[in-house]
Amino acid sequence: MKAGWEACVSFSVAAYVYILLWIDMVTVEATPFHKIIPPLQSLYGRRGPSLSHDYRDALTKSILFYEGQRSGKLPLNQRMRWRADSALSDGAADHVDLTGGYYDAGDNVKFGFPMAFTTTMLSWSVLEFGGRMGDNLDHAKAAIRWATDYLLKATAHPGVIYVQVGDPNLDHKCWERPEDMDTPRNVYKIDADHPGSDVAAETAAALAAASMVFRTTDPTYSRHLLQTAMEVFDFADKHRGAYSDSLQSEVCPFYCSYSGYNDELLWGAAWLQRASRNVSYIAYIQSHGQNLGAEDNVNIFSWDEKHAGARVLLAKEVLLRNSKSLEEYRGHADNFICSLLPGTPNSQAQYTPGGLLFKMSDCNLQYVTSTTFLLFTYAKYLRVSKQVVRCGNMIVTPTRIRTLAKRQVDYILGDNPLGMSYMVGYGAKFPEHIHHRGSSLPSIYQHPQIIPCNDGFQSLYSNAPNPNRLVGAVVGGPDNNDHFSDERNDYSHSEPTTYINAPLVGSLAYLAHSFA
């Protein structure tokens, strides 16, 4: 990965009316939709939308992807067989054990900030839709535990949180397999004198969310996760500051905290409230919510910006638990939904001509998968509570929200102008030249000899397909005109990340059950 914002950190009239058709919004206007919307086939050109997808197959593969990102000693039941053990001495130079965890993307660095967000979103996916996962549930929980075991190591020493392993500047000067890497495995940490409220609060959110995943099956582990989450959140709140101010070039421009840390404090408190049911977190949110940006006009959700996620999470308390003290978050969540729907008074969303939500030119699918998950999840809360969203003079039902969300997932899986699935190994046509070191170089089992740092670049620039298929990986995706070149060196569009997949797991679980 080159940078969080670079590498996986225009709106036409046709796209506008196209989305209106998908969401099928109810308005007070009398003009029938068939008189203002062109035929669906004409918007697709020669390719119409697929009648169905094998969502369960896509779900299985989206979880399998995480086995290709594992760092450390691999288990005997490892299914991504071309991978092997790597980074077995992480932390040793600092006399700590930081083995395990995930490489964030196509490089060999373990960035704690996006790893924690990945863990939170995998856990939320299981909490909301785990009952729909079938035999994929155990694999999803294993993916979560691979991350939480590492995060517990990173938070095991009081007053210190280890937030990164590997020098990204030097790592990106090499193209080598994780099994071969000989770049410095420097360890980076935050403490009271070098704060990082953003990464600490996200870590707290991850541990709190995961504690609920394991509450029934492993209560001892669950309690340990929750207790650690509370301690880490206290640290984040007491020692305020952005971790990128403390660590500077070691994390920037890779995963700078561009949005600051207020959103993570609100997000972390929301997760601790849900996991612990401790009223102190409700009091914290009530007292500090406005200062933490509760009313900020934000319609993006990502590893860096959490306000939208916090609003949906807290709105659940209003919709399903009738929490009057959090009523404002229901309104904020409704506004977020309305901002995504074309034709509403406060719509802010842009879509490609083929109908894909478009936020940023680099790694746009991370925003699509995270937003889509919020759409499915909020629609679930609305359905259970028998509520709707009012966007000016439009009434938007849960069904219509899910229709928009499903359309985004279907686009990713191949219902797009190129007929391209953006998930490796799913469908007849998918990316074969992804920006990923381990996938693009010969497997250690096929080529046991070390491939030195610079020798690997011939694979980076090769036109040959990746020899190792990273099944389930979702890449950064097409540009704002639905174009995708499938070039390995185009990291902005061809690089997969853990945080693209994490929210997609939940969305696919819903669809696999509902459209079996």
Protein backbone atom coordinates (compact mmCIF):
# COMPACT_ATOMS: atom_id res chain seq x y z
CA MET A 1 0.00 0.00 0.00
CA LYS A 2 1.40 3.40 -0.95
CA ALA A 3 -0.73 5.53 1.34
CA GLY A 4 -4.00 5.25 3.19
CA TRP A 5 -5.54 8.14 1.31
CA GLU A 6 -3.71 7.43 -1.95
CA ALA A 7 -4.00 3.71 -2.22
CA CYS A 8 -7.11 2.81 -0.47
CA VAL A 9 -7.10 5.74 1.91
CA SER A 10 -19.03 13.38 -12.82
CA PHE A 11 -22.32 12.59 -11.70
CA SER A 12 -24.43 12.29 -14.91
CA VAL A 13 -28.14 12.88 -15.35
CA ALA A 14 -28.50 9.27 -16.40
CA ALA A 15 -26.95 8.10 -13.16
CA TYR A 16 -29.26 10.39 -11.21
CA VAL A 17 -32.48 8.97 -12.57
CA TYR A 18 -30.99 5.50 -12.45
CA ILE A 19 -30.54 5.65 -8.70
CA LEU A 20 -34.03 7.04 -8.26
CA LEU A 21 -35.34 3.91 -9.92
CA TRP A 22 -33.29 1.63 -7.66
CA ILE A 23 -34.43 3.16 -4.41
CA ASP A 24 -38.03 3.48 -5.57
CA MET A 25 -38.66 6.38 -3.23
CA VAL A 26 -42.18 7.43 -2.41
CA THR A 27 -42.83 11.14 -3.01
CA VAL A 28 -45.79 13.44 -2.95
CA GLU A 29 -45.28 14.22 -6.62
CA ALA A 30 -47.87 12.79 -8.98
CA THR A 31 -45.66 12.10 -12.03
CA PRO A 32 -45.41 8.31 -12.48
CA PHE A 33 -41.87 6.96 -12.47
CA HIS A 34 -42.35 5.19 -15.80
CA LYS A 35 -42.80 8.58 -17.44
CA ILE A 36 -39.55 10.09 -16.16
CA ILE A 37 -37.19 7.08 -15.97
CA PRO A 38 -35.75 5.61 -19.19
CA PRO A 39 -35.86 1.83 -19.55
CA LEU A 40 -33.35 0.01 -17.38
CA GLN A 41 -31.73 -1.75 -20.33
CA SER A 42 -31.02 1.56 -22.05
CA LEU A 43 -29.03 2.74 -19.07
CA TYR A 44 -26.93 -0.41 -19.14
CA GLY A 45 -26.37 -0.37 -22.89
CA ARG A 46 -26.18 -3.97 -24.02
CA ARG A 47 -25.65 -5.38 -20.56
CA GLY A 48 -28.58 -5.66 -18.19
CA PRO A 49 -28.28 -6.40 -14.48
CA SER A 50 -27.80 -10.01 -13.45
CA LEU A 51 -30.91 -11.75 -12.22
CA SER A 52 -29.05 -13.30 -9.32
CA HIS A 53 -25.71 -13.72 -7.63
CA ASP A 54 -24.28 -16.50 -5.52
CA TYR A 55 -23.99 -14.32 -2.44
CA ARG A 56 -23.04 -17.24 -0.23
CA ASP A 57 -20.08 -18.03 -2.45
CA ALA A 58 -19.07 -14.37 -2.35
CA LEU A 59 -19.45 -14.36 1.45
CA THR A 60 -17.24 -17.43 1.82
CA LYS A 61 -14.56 -15.85 -0.35
CA SER A 62 -14.74 -12.45 1.33
CA ILE A 63 -13.82 -14.10 4.64
CA LEU A 64 -11.23 -16.43 3.12
CA PHE A 65 -9.34 -13.34 1.94
CA TYR A 66 -8.22 -12.65 5.51
CA GLU A 67 -6.19 -15.84 5.58
CA GLY A 68 -4.08 -14.37 2.80
CA GLN A 69 -3.37 -11.29 4.92
CA ARG A 70 -2.25 -13.14 8.04
CA SER A 71 1.06 -12.34 9.67
CA GLY A 72 2.83 -14.66 12.11
CA LYS A 73 2.70 -18.42 12.62
CA LEU A 74 -0.06 -19.83 10.45
CA PRO A 75 -2.40 -22.47 11.89
CA LEU A 76 -2.72 -26.02 10.64
CA ASN A 77 -6.17 -25.30 9.24
CA GLN A 78 -4.89 -22.46 7.03
CA ARG A 79 -6.88 -22.60 3.78
CA MET A 80 -4.91 -20.07 1.72
CA ARG A 81 -2.23 -22.65 1.06
CA TRP A 82 0.26 -20.54 -0.90
CA ARG A 83 0.98 -18.44 2.21
CA ALA A 84 3.51 -19.44 4.91
CA ASP A 85 4.76 -18.17 8.27
CA SER A 86 6.13 -14.61 8.33
CA ALA A 87 7.33 -11.89 10.71
CA LEU A 88 7.90 -14.33 13.57
CA SER A 89 10.15 -11.91 15.46
CA ASP A 90 7.91 -8.85 15.40
CA GLY A 91 8.46 -6.84 18.59
CA ALA A 92 11.43 -8.89 19.77
CA ALA A 93 13.89 -6.00 19.50
CA ASP A 94 11.67 -4.06 21.93
CA HIS A 95 11.16 -7.12 24.17
CA VAL A 96 7.47 -7.43 23.33
CA ASP A 97 5.54 -10.05 21.38
CA LEU A 98 3.82 -8.41 18.43
CA THR A 99 3.52 -11.43 16.19
CA GLY A 100 0.25 -12.09 14.43
CA GLY A 101 -2.32 -9.65 13.15
CA TYR A 102 -2.86 -8.63 9.54
CA TYR A 103 -0.96 -6.88 6.80
CA ASP A 104 -3.29 -4.08 5.83
CA ALA A 105 -3.14 -4.36 2.07
CA GLY A 106 -0.59 -5.29 -0.59
CA ASP A 107 2.46 -4.50 1.52
CA ASN A 108 4.08 -6.08 4.58
CA VAL A 109 3.39 -3.47 7.27
CA LYS A 110 1.02 -3.95 10.19
CA PHE A 111 -0.79 -0.63 10.63
CA GLY A 112 -2.77 -0.67 13.87
CA PHE A 113 -5.28 2.02 12.96
CA PRO A 114 -6.87 0.33 9.91
CA MET A 115 -6.43 -3.09 11.52
CA ALA A 116 -8.53 -1.98 14.49
CA PHE A 117 -11.23 -0.56 12.20
CA THR A 118 -11.21 -3.80 10.21
CA THR A 119 -11.77 -5.68 13.47
CA THR A 120 -14.62 -3.41 14.53
CA MET A 121 -16.39 -3.83 11.20
CA LEU A 122 -15.91 -7.60 11.06
CA SER A 123 -17.36 -7.79 14.56
CA TRP A 124 -20.29 -5.53 13.68
CA SER A 125 -20.94 -7.70 10.62
CA VAL A 126 -21.18 -10.77 12.85
CA LEU A 127 -23.27 -9.01 15.48
CA GLU A 128 -25.87 -7.84 12.97
CA PHE A 129 -25.85 -10.66 10.44
CA GLY A 130 -23.93 -13.55 11.98
CA GLY A 131 -27.11 -15.56 12.31
CA ARG A 132 -27.34 -15.53 8.51
CA MET A 133 -23.77 -16.73 7.89
CA GLY A 134 -24.31 -20.46 8.31
CA ASP A 135 -21.05 -22.38 8.27
CA ASN A 136 -19.18 -19.18 7.46
CA LEU A 137 -19.74 -17.89 10.98
CA ASP A 138 -16.88 -19.88 12.51
CA HIS A 139 -14.49 -18.60 9.85
CA ALA A 140 -15.65 -15.02 10.43
CA LYS A 141 -15.06 -15.37 14.16
CA ALA A 142 -11.62 -16.86 13.48
CA ALA A 143 -10.81 -13.82 11.34
CA ILE A 144 -11.84 -11.54 14.19
CA ARG A 145 -9.87 -13.47 16.77
CA TRP A 146 -6.73 -13.38 14.63
CA ALA A 147 -6.94 -9.59 14.94
CA THR A 148 -8.02 -9.34 18.59
CA ASP A 149 -5.27 -11.68 19.76
CA TYR A 150 -2.82 -9.23 18.22
CA LEU A 151 -4.58 -6.14 19.59
CA LEU A 152 -4.46 -7.64 23.08
CA LYS A 153 -0.70 -8.03 22.70
CA ALA A 154 -0.45 -4.44 21.49
CA THR A 155 -2.30 -3.18 24.59
CA ALA A 156 -0.80 -5.54 27.17
CA HIS A 157 1.58 -3.01 28.72
CA PRO A 158 -0.05 -0.29 30.87
CA GLY A 159 0.36 3.22 29.53
CA VAL A 160 1.60 2.06 26.13
CA ILE A 161 -0.16 0.98 22.95
CA TYR A 162 1.85 -0.46 20.09
CA VAL A 163 0.27 0.85 16.91
CA GLN A 164 2.51 -0.26 14.06
CA VAL A 165 5.14 -2.80 13.08
CA GLY A 166 7.34 -2.14 10.07
CA ASP A 167 8.90 0.95 8.52
CA PRO A 168 6.49 1.82 5.70
CA ASN A 169 8.94 4.07 3.89
CA LEU A 170 11.50 1.29 3.59
CA ASP A 171 8.89 -1.43 3.05
CA HIS A 172 7.57 0.39 0.01
CA LYS A 173 11.03 0.46 -1.53
CA CYS A 174 10.93 -3.33 -1.77
CA TRP A 175 8.69 -5.76 -3.60
CA GLU A 176 9.04 -9.00 -1.68
CA ARG A 177 6.97 -11.75 -0.15
CA PRO A 178 6.13 -11.44 3.55
CA GLU A 179 7.90 -14.77 4.05
CA ASP A 180 11.13 -13.20 2.71
CA MET A 181 10.99 -9.65 4.00
CA ASP A 182 14.20 -8.26 5.39
CA THR A 183 13.17 -4.65 5.82
CA PRO A 184 13.34 -3.21 9.36
CA ARG A 185 10.50 -4.34 11.62
CA ASN A 186 10.54 -1.16 13.65
CA VAL A 187 7.92 -0.89 16.38
CA TYR A 188 5.93 2.30 16.90
CA LYS A 189 3.93 3.14 20.00
CA ILE A 190 1.88 5.84 21.68
CA ASP A 191 1.98 6.80 25.35
CA ALA A 192 1.05 9.70 27.64
CA ASP A 193 3.77 11.91 26.16
CA HIS A 194 3.04 10.85 22.60
CA PRO A 195 -0.76 10.47 22.51
CA GLY A 196 -2.93 8.87 19.90
CA SER A 197 -6.57 9.18 20.88
CA ASP A 198 -7.72 8.17 17.40
CA VAL A 199 -5.95 4.82 17.15
CA ALA A 200 -6.49 4.11 20.86
CA ALA A 201 -10.24 4.79 20.75
CA GLU A 202 -10.60 2.73 17.56
CA THR A 203 -8.75 -0.11 19.28
CA ALA A 204 -11.16 0.21 22.20
CA ALA A 205 -14.09 0.05 19.77
CA ALA A 206 -12.64 -3.06 18.14
CA LEU A 207 -12.13 -4.88 21.43
CA ALA A 208 -15.56 -3.87 22.74
CA ALA A 209 -17.34 -4.99 19.57
CA ALA A 210 -15.43 -8.28 19.53
CA SER A 211 -16.26 -8.90 23.18
CA MET A 212 -19.90 -9.30 22.17
CA VAL A 213 -18.99 -11.71 19.37
CA PHE A 214 -17.38 -14.10 21.89
CA ARG A 215 -19.68 -13.45 24.85
CA THR A 216 -21.50 -16.78 24.57
CA THR A 217 -18.85 -19.06 23.10
CA ASP A 218 -15.86 -17.86 25.15
CA PRO A 219 -17.03 -15.72 28.08
CA THR A 220 -13.58 -15.51 29.69
CA TYR A 221 -12.02 -14.17 26.52
CA SER A 222 -14.98 -11.83 26.06
CA ARG A 223 -14.54 -10.33 29.53
CA HIS A 224 -10.83 -9.83 28.87
CA LEU A 225 -11.62 -8.01 25.63
CA LEU A 226 -14.17 -5.74 27.28
CA GLN A 227 -12.01 -4.92 30.29
CA THR A 228 -9.10 -4.06 28.01
CA ALA A 229 -11.38 -1.96 25.82
CA MET A 230 -12.48 0.14 28.79
CA GLU A 231 -8.89 0.69 29.90
CA VAL A 232 -7.75 1.63 26.41
CA PHE A 233 -10.63 4.05 25.98
CA ASP A 234 -9.80 5.73 29.28
CA PHE A 235 -6.24 6.16 28.02
CA ALA A 236 -7.48 7.62 24.73
CA ASP A 237 -9.74 10.11 26.48
CA LYS A 238 -7.27 11.12 29.18
CA HIS A 239 -4.28 11.64 26.89
CA ARG A 240 -5.77 13.45 23.93
CA GLY A 241 -3.98 13.99 20.67
CA ALA A 242 -3.73 12.65 17.13
CA TYR A 243 -1.33 9.78 16.67
CA SER A 244 -0.10 11.19 13.39
CA ASP A 245 1.07 14.29 15.26
CA SER A 246 3.08 12.02 17.53
CA LEU A 247 4.47 9.64 14.92
CA GLN A 248 4.42 11.95 11.88
CA SER A 249 6.25 10.48 8.86
CA GLU A 250 6.06 6.95 10.23
CA VAL A 251 2.29 6.93 9.70
CA CYS A 252 1.81 9.81 7.24
CA PRO A 253 0.83 9.92 4.48
CA PHE A 254 -0.01 6.24 4.85
CA TYR A 255 -2.67 6.41 7.56
CA CYS A 256 -2.75 9.98 8.76
CA SER A 257 -5.57 10.89 11.10
CA TYR A 258 -7.01 13.43 8.71
CA SER A 259 -10.33 13.77 10.52
CA GLY A 260 -8.77 14.14 13.98
CA TYR A 261 -9.69 12.00 16.97
CA ASN A 262 -13.09 13.32 18.06
CA ASP A 263 -14.96 10.89 15.83
CA GLU A 264 -13.08 7.92 17.31
CA LEU A 265 -13.87 9.03 20.87
CA LEU A 266 -17.58 9.21 20.04
CA TRP A 267 -17.40 5.89 18.16
CA GLY A 268 -15.46 4.19 20.93
CA ALA A 269 -17.89 5.41 23.60
CA ALA A 270 -20.82 4.19 21.50
CA TRP A 271 -19.33 0.70 21.27
CA LEU A 272 -18.48 0.56 24.96
CA GLN A 273 -22.02 1.62 25.77
CA ARG A 274 -23.40 -1.18 23.64
CA ALA A 275 -20.96 -3.79 24.94
CA SER A 276 -21.01 -2.91 28.65
CA ARG A 277 -24.43 -1.32 29.16
CA ASN A 278 -22.64 0.93 31.61
CA VAL A 279 -24.62 4.16 31.96
CA SER A 280 -21.40 6.13 32.31
CA TYR A 281 -20.86 5.87 28.57
CA ILE A 282 -24.32 7.26 27.87
CA ALA A 283 -23.47 10.14 30.19
CA TYR A 284 -20.16 10.62 28.37
CA ILE A 285 -21.91 10.77 24.99
CA GLN A 286 -24.51 13.21 26.31
CA SER A 287 -21.88 15.45 27.88
CA HIS A 288 -19.29 15.40 25.11
CA GLY A 289 -21.21 14.49 21.96
CA GLN A 290 -21.45 17.99 20.50
CA ASN A 291 -17.80 18.74 21.19
CA LEU A 292 -16.91 15.44 19.52
CA GLY A 293 -18.69 16.41 16.32
CA ALA A 294 -22.05 14.72 16.76
CA GLU A 295 -23.71 17.39 14.62
CA ASP A 296 -20.99 17.67 11.98
CA ASN A 297 -22.28 17.37 8.42
CA VAL A 298 -20.34 14.27 7.39
CA ASN A 299 -21.58 11.69 4.88
CA ILE A 300 -18.50 9.50 4.61
CA PHE A 301 -17.61 6.43 6.67
CA SER A 302 -14.12 4.96 6.65
CA TRP A 303 -11.12 3.87 8.71
CA ASP A 304 -10.47 7.57 9.34
CA GLU A 305 -13.96 9.07 9.69
CA LYS A 306 -16.41 7.36 12.10
CA HIS A 307 -19.19 9.89 12.75
CA ALA A 308 -21.68 8.23 10.39
CA GLY A 309 -21.08 4.83 11.95
CA ALA A 310 -21.50 6.22 15.46
CA ARG A 311 -24.80 7.82 14.48
CA VAL A 312 -26.24 4.59 13.12
CA LEU A 313 -24.98 2.66 16.12
CA LEU A 314 -26.53 5.10 18.59
CA ALA A 315 -29.74 5.40 16.57
CA LYS A 316 -30.32 1.72 17.32
CA GLU A 317 -30.75 2.67 20.97
CA VAL A 318 -33.51 5.05 19.97
CA LEU A 319 -35.26 2.78 17.48
CA LEU A 320 -35.07 -0.50 19.38
CA ARG A 321 -34.65 0.57 23.00
CA ASN A 322 -36.58 3.85 22.95
CA SER A 323 -33.64 5.75 24.44
CA LYS A 324 -34.90 9.33 24.67
CA SER A 325 -31.50 10.63 25.74
CA LEU A 326 -30.01 9.74 22.35
CA GLU A 327 -32.92 10.95 20.22
CA GLU A 328 -30.76 13.41 18.29
CA TYR A 329 -28.71 10.53 16.85
CA ARG A 330 -31.79 9.11 15.18
CA GLY A 331 -32.12 12.43 13.38
CA HIS A 332 -28.44 12.47 12.48
CA ALA A 333 -28.67 8.91 11.12
CA ASP A 334 -31.75 9.80 9.06
CA ASN A 335 -29.90 12.79 7.62
CA PHE A 336 -26.99 10.55 6.68
CA ILE A 337 -29.35 8.21 4.81
CA CYS A 338 -31.01 11.14 3.04
CA SER A 339 -27.61 12.50 2.00
CA LEU A 340 -27.02 9.32 0.00
CA LEU A 341 -30.29 9.43 -1.93
CA PRO A 342 -30.46 11.53 -5.11
CA GLY A 343 -33.42 13.86 -5.26
CA THR A 344 -33.66 14.51 -1.54
CA PRO A 345 -33.29 18.08 -0.26
CA ASN A 346 -29.89 17.41 1.33
CA SER A 347 -28.52 14.86 -1.10
CA GLN A 348 -24.71 14.97 -1.32
CA ALA A 349 -24.02 11.69 -3.09
CA GLN A 350 -22.42 11.23 -6.47
CA TYR A 351 -22.74 8.11 -8.60
CA THR A 352 -20.87 6.89 -11.65
CA PRO A 353 -22.76 6.52 -14.94
CA GLY A 354 -23.03 2.81 -14.14
CA GLY A 355 -24.57 3.53 -10.74
CA LEU A 356 -21.69 3.09 -8.27
CA LEU A 357 -21.54 5.39 -5.27
CA PHE A 358 -18.46 7.53 -5.83
CA LYS A 359 -16.64 9.27 -3.00
CA MET A 360 -12.97 9.50 -3.91
CA SER A 361 -10.74 8.62 -6.82
CA ASP A 362 -8.40 6.45 -4.75
CA CYS A 363 -9.74 3.14 -3.48
CA ASN A 364 -13.35 4.20 -3.84
CA LEU A 365 -14.77 0.77 -3.02
CA GLN A 366 -13.74 1.16 0.63
CA TYR A 367 -16.37 3.89 0.93
CA VAL A 368 -18.90 1.89 -1.03
CA THR A 369 -18.64 -1.21 1.17
CA SER A 370 -18.68 0.76 4.44
CA THR A 371 -21.64 2.87 3.37
CA THR A 372 -23.53 -0.12 2.03
CA PHE A 373 -23.15 -1.89 5.36
CA LEU A 374 -24.65 1.11 7.16
CA LEU A 375 -27.56 1.11 4.72
CA PHE A 376 -28.34 -2.57 5.35
CA THR A 377 -27.90 -2.19 9.10
CA TYR A 378 -30.03 0.93 9.44
CA ALA A 379 -32.72 -0.65 7.24
CA LYS A 380 -32.72 -3.57 9.68
CA TYR A 381 -33.25 -1.25 12.65
CA LEU A 382 -36.04 0.58 10.83
CA ARG A 383 -37.77 -2.65 9.83
CA VAL A 384 -37.74 -4.07 13.34
CA SER A 385 -39.02 -0.80 14.81
CA LYS A 386 -41.54 -0.32 11.97
CA GLN A 387 -40.13 3.11 11.14
CA VAL A 388 -39.27 4.96 7.93
CA VAL A 389 -36.93 7.82 7.00
CA ARG A 390 -38.38 11.15 5.93
CA CYS A 391 -36.24 13.12 3.52
CA GLY A 392 -38.12 16.35 2.95
CA ASN A 393 -41.29 15.39 1.10
CA MET A 394 -40.06 11.86 0.46
CA ILE A 395 -40.72 8.81 2.59
CA VAL A 396 -38.01 6.18 2.30
CA THR A 397 -38.81 2.70 3.56
CA PRO A 398 -36.36 0.04 4.74
CA THR A 399 -37.03 -1.90 1.54
CA ARG A 400 -35.98 1.02 -0.58
CA ILE A 401 -32.81 1.54 1.44
CA ARG A 402 -31.92 -2.12 1.02
CA THR A 403 -32.58 -1.86 -2.72
CA LEU A 404 -29.96 0.86 -3.04
CA ALA A 405 -27.52 -1.10 -0.87
CA LYS A 406 -28.05 -4.30 -2.86
CA ARG A 407 -27.41 -2.45 -6.08
CA GLN A 408 -23.97 -1.41 -4.79
CA VAL A 409 -23.06 -4.97 -3.85
CA ASP A 410 -24.29 -6.25 -7.20
CA TYR A 411 -22.13 -3.67 -8.97
CA ILE A 412 -19.06 -4.93 -7.07
CA LEU A 413 -19.91 -8.51 -8.01
CA GLY A 414 -20.21 -7.79 -11.72
CA ASP A 415 -23.41 -5.90 -12.54
CA ASN A 416 -21.56 -2.95 -14.06
CA PRO A 417 -20.72 -1.62 -17.53
CA LEU A 418 -17.54 -3.72 -17.74
CA GLY A 419 -19.17 -6.91 -16.51
CA MET A 420 -16.23 -7.06 -14.10
CA SER A 421 -16.38 -8.57 -10.64
CA TYR A 422 -14.11 -6.59 -8.35
CA MET A 423 -13.73 -9.58 -6.03
CA VAL A 424 -10.84 -11.83 -6.97
CA GLY A 425 -12.04 -15.36 -7.72
CA TYR A 426 -15.73 -14.49 -7.95
CA GLY A 427 -17.51 -14.55 -11.31
CA ALA A 428 -16.18 -15.18 -14.79
CA LYS A 429 -14.17 -11.94 -15.03
CA PHE A 430 -12.23 -10.41 -12.14
CA PRO A 431 -8.91 -8.59 -11.52
CA GLU A 432 -5.88 -10.76 -12.23
CA HIS A 433 -3.10 -8.21 -11.72
CA ILE A 434 -3.79 -6.96 -8.21
CA HIS A 435 -1.29 -4.74 -6.40
CA HIS A 436 -0.20 -7.26 -3.79
CA ARG A 437 3.31 -8.49 -3.11
CA GLY A 438 2.55 -12.00 -1.91
CA SER A 439 0.00 -12.66 -4.63
CA SER A 440 2.16 -11.34 -7.47
CA LEU A 441 5.36 -13.23 -6.58
CA PRO A 442 5.87 -16.99 -6.84
CA SER A 443 4.78 -18.82 -3.69
CA ILE A 444 7.53 -19.91 -1.34
CA TYR A 445 6.35 -23.46 -1.98
CA GLN A 446 6.92 -23.06 -5.72
CA HIS A 447 10.07 -20.96 -5.40
CA PRO A 448 11.78 -21.75 -2.06
CA GLN A 449 14.74 -19.49 -2.73
CA ILE A 450 14.62 -15.98 -1.27
CA ILE A 451 13.51 -13.29 -3.70
CA PRO A 452 15.50 -10.20 -2.63
CA CYS A 453 14.04 -6.74 -2.17
CA ASN A 454 14.75 -5.32 -5.62
CA ASP A 455 14.41 -8.54 -7.61
CA GLY A 456 10.68 -8.64 -6.97
CA PHE A 457 10.00 -5.48 -8.96
CA GLN A 458 10.06 -7.44 -12.20
CA SER A 459 6.86 -9.07 -10.95
CA LEU A 460 5.35 -5.70 -10.11
CA TYR A 461 5.81 -4.53 -13.70
CA SER A 462 5.02 -7.85 -15.35
CA ASN A 463 1.96 -8.22 -17.55
CA ALA A 464 1.44 -11.81 -16.43
CA PRO A 465 -1.48 -12.57 -14.08
CA ASN A 466 -0.67 -12.96 -10.39
CA PRO A 467 0.54 -16.55 -9.81
CA ASN A 468 -1.22 -16.80 -6.43
CA ARG A 469 -4.91 -15.99 -6.42
CA LEU A 470 -5.88 -13.96 -3.35
CA VAL A 471 -9.41 -15.30 -3.37
CA GLY A 472 -12.03 -12.94 -1.97
CA ALA A 473 -9.89 -9.80 -2.17
CA VAL A 474 -11.86 -6.74 -3.24
CA VAL A 475 -9.71 -4.13 -4.98
CA GLY A 476 -9.99 -0.35 -4.94
CA GLY A 477 -12.30 -0.45 -7.92
CA PRO A 478 -13.15 1.63 -10.99
CA ASP A 479 -12.88 5.36 -11.54
CA ASN A 480 -15.75 7.82 -11.72
CA ASN A 481 -16.52 6.75 -15.29
CA ASP A 482 -16.65 3.02 -14.46
CA HIS A 483 -13.25 2.40 -16.07
CA PHE A 484 -10.81 -0.13 -14.64
CA SER A 485 -7.49 -1.06 -16.22
CA ASP A 486 -6.48 -4.08 -14.06
CA GLU A 487 -2.87 -2.91 -13.88
CA ARG A 488 -0.74 -4.05 -10.97
CA ASN A 489 1.09 -0.77 -10.60
CA ASP A 490 -2.18 1.18 -10.40
CA TYR A 491 -2.42 0.80 -6.65
CA SER A 492 -5.21 3.36 -6.32
CA HIS A 493 -7.58 1.00 -8.11
CA SER A 494 -5.95 -2.45 -8.02
CA GLU A 495 -4.93 -2.84 -4.38
CA PRO A 496 -7.08 -4.80 -1.92
CA THR A 497 -7.31 -3.86 1.76
CA THR A 498 -8.69 -5.52 4.87
CA TYR A 499 -11.09 -2.64 5.50
CA ILE A 500 -12.72 -2.91 2.07
CA ASN A 501 -13.79 -6.46 2.84
CA ALA A 502 -14.78 -6.13 6.51
CA PRO A 503 -18.12 -4.31 6.07
CA LEU A 504 -18.85 -6.24 2.88
CA VAL A 505 -18.88 -9.45 4.94
CA GLY A 506 -21.99 -8.22 6.75
CA SER A 507 -23.74 -7.07 3.60
CA LEU A 508 -23.08 -10.39 1.86
CA ALA A 509 -24.34 -12.30 4.88
CA TYR A 510 -27.64 -10.43 4.67
CA LEU A 511 -27.96 -11.03 0.94
CA ALA A 512 -26.89 -14.69 1.14
CA HIS A 513 -29.74 -15.35 3.54
CA SER A 514 -32.36 -13.15 1.88
CA PHE A 515 -31.65 -14.18 -1.72
CA ALA A 516 -30.58 -17.79 -1.25
